[in-house]
């Protein structure tokens, strides 16, 4: 396969708030947006979670131009190909296996990205990681490349800066420091 397809993703940890409670400072999302060749890629992360099941990764891709363009979305449903996770020592985290590569015919799995309608994908943490995450600090980033691309497609490479999140001990309150 001569194309590397990775995609920007919005990382959101599910910090569920019981009805009527005020949001705590730790439930505020961090986010990072990057724009290259009119393709916007944004990832966001809730700073603290308890388990991988609390983690949701949401990818938001947006068209920052005035006209629609085609985007190769062949592997947008494969977090192991579009997200990079590292521990606090810079060691990559093991994720689930990638999908079996398909033949890219240049037509299938393409989406038209309109300026007023972002493309959003949500990935549950249990889909991303096959085993539990130990307490500690981690980072997530997104990378997507479509080069050389087929006629009429967005062409380029885009990567977000890493965002930090923390897995806290299940025994500690999420707002505990």
Foldseek 3Di string as FASTA:
>chain_A
DPFQFAAAKAKEFQPDDPPPDDDDPQNDKAKWWDADPQKIWMYIYRAEDAKLQRIKIKIKIAGRDQAKFKAQQPQVVFNVRWKWKAFPVRHTDDWDDGDDDDDCPQPPRMDIHHRVDIDMDMDRSVNTHVDIDDWGKMWMKTKGAAPPHDPRHDHDIDIIDIDMHTHDHPVDDRPDD
